[in-house]
Structure formats: C-alpha cells, structure tokens
Amino acid sequence: MFIRWLFAALHLLALGVGMGAVWSRARALRPPLDSTGLKRVFYADTWWGIAALLWIGTGLVRAFGGLEKGTSYYVHNSLFLTKMALFVLIFVLELRPMMTLIKWRARVARGEAIDTSPARTFARISLIQAGLLGLMVLAATAMARGYGL
C-alpha cells in the first residue's frame, strides 16, 4: 500500500515540477539571452529533464509493474492510449530543443559563442508542451475515474 502511494505521489510531484520547469524554460528563452539568461534556460531545462525522468520511471512502474490496476486495464483504455499519444507528441517536440540545448551547454562550457536564433521557436514549443501536459492531466483524471474503457 505504501509503495503504491509513494509512486503515485512522486508521479504527481513530477507533474508540478515539470509544468513549472517547461513554463519557466519558455519564459527564460525570451531575449536577452546573455550569460545570465542562458543560466536560467539551462536551470529550467535541467528541472524539465528531471521531471521527465521521474514521470517516465514512476509511470512505467505504476502501469506495468503491478502496482495499480494492471497492464490490461491500461492498454485497453482509450484515454490511457490518448495520454501516451500526447506523451509521444511532447517527446517528439522536445527532440530539437533538447539536442540544441545540449550543444549550447557544451559551447558555453568551452567559452564559445552560440546562435540563439532558435530560442523564440523553442519558447513556443515549450508553451505547446505545457498545454499538452494539461491535456494529459485531463486524460489521466478521467481514466482514473473509469472513463475510456
């Protein structure tokens, strides 16, 4: 019983951290992107990554590790499948910002200049991801109440 509660709590805490981080990253990607601005971007992006790892880890254990309703319940629930489709969309949207921000971090660490021209696009992507997270919450709460079967 305790472990179920713990994983559920960590899964929900990841939501708060992730939503705050992706929203903060969107705001931090606005000009000016000087060294202080880039530190804010990297800080928010780090927390976005931590939240993602926590979500994925706890979500996999909850759905497929025998802690919750059972794998069959989830894979046959249209809202769970919707939630997973939204997750995949968030992940696909994240690929370019993630790879670019990794490169930016490396260049900043070497003292090299970076091209911040994609920042505005990445800010928009982050806001879209925040909206998709909201839709995931709607799907998850409906699913938890038996809808989607």
Protein backbone atom coordinates (compact mmCIF):
# COMPACT_ATOMS: atom_id res chain seq x y z
CA MET A 1 0.00 0.00 0.00
CA PHE A 2 2.79 2.44 0.93
CA ILE A 3 4.71 1.81 -2.28
CA ARG A 4 1.59 2.48 -4.39
CA TRP A 5 1.09 5.78 -2.56
CA LEU A 6 4.78 6.67 -2.92
CA PHE A 7 4.85 6.09 -6.67
CA ALA A 8 1.55 7.94 -7.16
CA ALA A 9 2.85 10.87 -5.10
CA LEU A 10 6.15 11.02 -7.00
CA HIS A 11 4.28 10.83 -10.31
CA LEU A 12 2.12 13.80 -9.32
CA LEU A 13 5.05 15.76 -7.89
CA ALA A 14 6.81 15.31 -11.23
CA LEU A 15 3.82 16.99 -12.86
CA GLY A 16 4.23 20.11 -10.73
CA VAL A 17 7.98 20.23 -11.25
CA GLY A 18 7.66 19.57 -14.97
CA MET A 19 4.92 22.10 -15.61
CA GLY A 20 6.82 24.75 -13.70
CA ALA A 21 10.07 23.89 -15.45
CA VAL A 22 8.73 23.88 -19.00
CA TRP A 23 6.85 27.13 -18.37
CA SER A 24 9.98 28.68 -16.85
CA ARG A 25 12.06 27.49 -19.78
CA ALA A 26 9.64 29.18 -22.20
CA ARG A 27 9.95 32.45 -20.28
CA ALA A 28 13.73 32.15 -19.94
CA LEU A 29 14.14 31.68 -23.69
CA ARG A 30 12.96 35.24 -24.29
CA PRO A 31 15.59 37.87 -25.04
CA PRO A 32 18.05 38.88 -23.86
CA LEU A 33 19.89 35.59 -23.83
CA ASP A 34 23.07 36.78 -22.20
CA SER A 35 25.04 34.55 -19.82
CA THR A 36 22.53 35.15 -17.01
CA GLY A 37 19.62 34.39 -19.32
CA LEU A 38 21.27 31.21 -20.53
CA LYS A 39 21.80 30.09 -16.93
CA ARG A 40 18.04 30.47 -16.38
CA VAL A 41 17.32 28.47 -19.53
CA PHE A 42 19.71 25.69 -18.51
CA TYR A 43 18.37 25.61 -14.94
CA ALA A 44 14.75 25.31 -16.10
CA ASP A 45 15.73 22.76 -18.74
CA THR A 46 17.53 20.63 -16.14
CA TRP A 47 14.40 20.51 -13.98
CA TRP A 48 12.29 19.70 -17.07
CA GLY A 49 14.59 16.72 -17.69
CA ILE A 50 14.49 15.59 -14.05
CA ALA A 51 10.69 15.75 -14.09
CA ALA A 52 10.58 13.76 -17.34
CA LEU A 53 12.76 11.00 -15.90
CA LEU A 54 10.63 10.88 -12.75
CA TRP A 55 7.38 10.80 -14.77
CA ILE A 56 8.58 8.08 -17.09
CA GLY A 57 10.07 5.96 -14.32
CA THR A 58 7.12 6.16 -11.96
CA GLY A 59 4.62 5.90 -14.80
CA LEU A 60 6.16 2.71 -16.16
CA VAL A 61 6.22 1.10 -12.72
CA ARG A 62 2.66 2.17 -11.97
CA ALA A 63 1.24 0.99 -15.30
CA PHE A 64 3.30 -2.13 -15.92
CA GLY A 65 4.86 -3.05 -12.56
CA GLY A 66 1.76 -4.45 -10.91
CA LEU A 67 1.23 -1.54 -8.53
CA GLU A 68 -2.02 -0.23 -9.92
CA LYS A 69 -4.95 -1.58 -11.92
CA GLY A 70 -2.88 -3.92 -14.07
CA THR A 71 -1.39 -3.71 -17.52
CA SER A 72 -4.56 -4.95 -19.23
CA TYR A 73 -6.59 -2.07 -17.80
CA TYR A 74 -4.18 0.49 -19.20
CA VAL A 75 -3.52 -0.94 -22.65
CA HIS A 76 -7.25 -1.35 -23.29
CA ASN A 77 -8.19 2.13 -22.07
CA SER A 78 -8.61 4.69 -24.87
CA LEU A 79 -7.77 7.56 -22.50
CA PHE A 80 -4.51 5.89 -21.48
CA LEU A 81 -3.67 5.49 -25.16
CA THR A 82 -4.57 9.17 -25.66
CA LYS A 83 -2.31 10.08 -22.75
CA MET A 84 0.54 8.07 -24.28
CA ALA A 85 -0.02 9.69 -27.70
CA LEU A 86 0.23 13.11 -26.02
CA PHE A 87 3.42 11.97 -24.28
CA VAL A 88 4.92 10.87 -27.61
CA LEU A 89 3.98 14.22 -29.14
CA ILE A 90 5.65 16.08 -26.24
CA PHE A 91 8.74 13.90 -26.68
CA VAL A 92 8.91 14.47 -30.45
CA LEU A 93 8.52 18.23 -29.91
CA GLU A 94 11.34 18.05 -27.35
CA LEU A 95 13.93 16.44 -29.62
CA ARG A 96 15.20 19.59 -31.36
CA PRO A 97 15.25 21.81 -28.25
CA MET A 98 16.90 19.04 -26.23
CA MET A 99 19.67 18.45 -28.76
CA THR A 100 20.23 22.17 -29.30
CA LEU A 101 20.35 22.95 -25.58
CA ILE A 102 22.86 20.14 -25.04
CA LYS A 103 25.05 21.73 -27.74
CA TRP A 104 24.58 25.19 -26.22
CA ARG A 105 25.67 23.91 -22.79
CA ALA A 106 28.81 22.36 -24.28
CA ARG A 107 29.68 25.51 -26.21
CA VAL A 108 29.10 27.76 -23.21
CA ALA A 109 31.32 25.46 -21.11
CA ARG A 110 34.08 25.86 -23.73
CA GLY A 111 33.58 29.63 -23.81
CA GLU A 112 32.29 29.61 -27.38
CA ALA A 113 29.55 31.83 -28.77
CA ILE A 114 26.19 30.25 -29.55
CA ASP A 115 23.49 31.02 -32.08
CA THR A 116 20.39 31.77 -30.03
CA SER A 117 18.15 32.41 -33.04
CA PRO A 118 16.07 29.23 -32.39
CA ALA A 119 15.21 30.46 -28.87
CA ARG A 120 11.88 32.03 -29.86
CA THR A 121 10.79 28.79 -31.57
CA PHE A 122 11.88 26.75 -28.54
CA ALA A 123 9.89 29.07 -26.27
CA ARG A 124 6.78 28.41 -28.38
CA ILE A 125 7.44 24.68 -28.32
CA SER A 126 7.74 24.80 -24.53
CA LEU A 127 4.38 26.56 -24.24
CA ILE A 128 2.78 23.99 -26.55
CA GLN A 129 4.26 21.24 -24.38
CA ALA A 130 2.76 22.87 -21.28
CA GLY A 131 -0.64 22.83 -22.96
CA LEU A 132 -0.22 19.19 -23.94
CA LEU A 133 0.66 18.39 -20.33
CA GLY A 134 -2.64 19.95 -19.31
CA LEU A 135 -4.42 17.67 -21.77
CA MET A 136 -2.56 14.69 -20.32
CA VAL A 137 -3.88 15.61 -16.88
CA LEU A 138 -7.43 15.71 -18.23
CA ALA A 139 -6.98 12.27 -19.81
CA ALA A 140 -5.37 10.83 -16.67
CA THR A 141 -8.02 12.09 -14.27
CA ALA A 142 -10.83 10.82 -16.50
CA MET A 143 -9.08 7.48 -16.87
CA ALA A 144 -8.64 7.17 -13.10
CA ARG A 145 -12.41 7.50 -12.76
CA GLY A 146 -13.14 4.65 -15.15
CA TYR A 147 -13.69 6.53 -18.40
CA GLY A 148 -12.16 5.28 -21.62
CA LEU A 149 -12.90 1.58 -21.24
